[in-house]
Amino acid sequence: MSQYIIVYVGGDEPSSPEEGEKHFAKYMDWLSAMGDAAVSPANPLKGTVTVNADGSVTNGGVTTMSGYTIIEVDSMEAALAIAQACPFLDIGGSLEVSELVEMPAQK
């Protein structure tokens, strides 16, 4: 089996605490439904700082990536099916799915 990373991009903030709780419950149900396929679920990001090509540092990111989940499944098609069921899509976000490449061991 291969590992895939699902990257969360964009998405709208909930309009109320109740809406946020409802969305969070749907998200947790989605994660639970994956069972053992969820290798590293729910990794939100905050406080992004960018190191630019010239070495300078700026606050914020150049993308709207807000987190990621790593899953282990048989194929890209299986990874896409999991992503298509993610409630993050319900709040206007999009998901980028990539296969993780295992690097050879260093000596």
Foldseek 3Di string as FASTA:
>chain_A
DFKKKKWKFDFDDDPDVVSVVVLVVLQVVLVVVLPQQFPFPDAFDDFDWDQDPVRDIDTDDPTRTGGMTMGDDDDVVVVVVSLVSHCSVVRVIHIDMDIDDDDDDDD
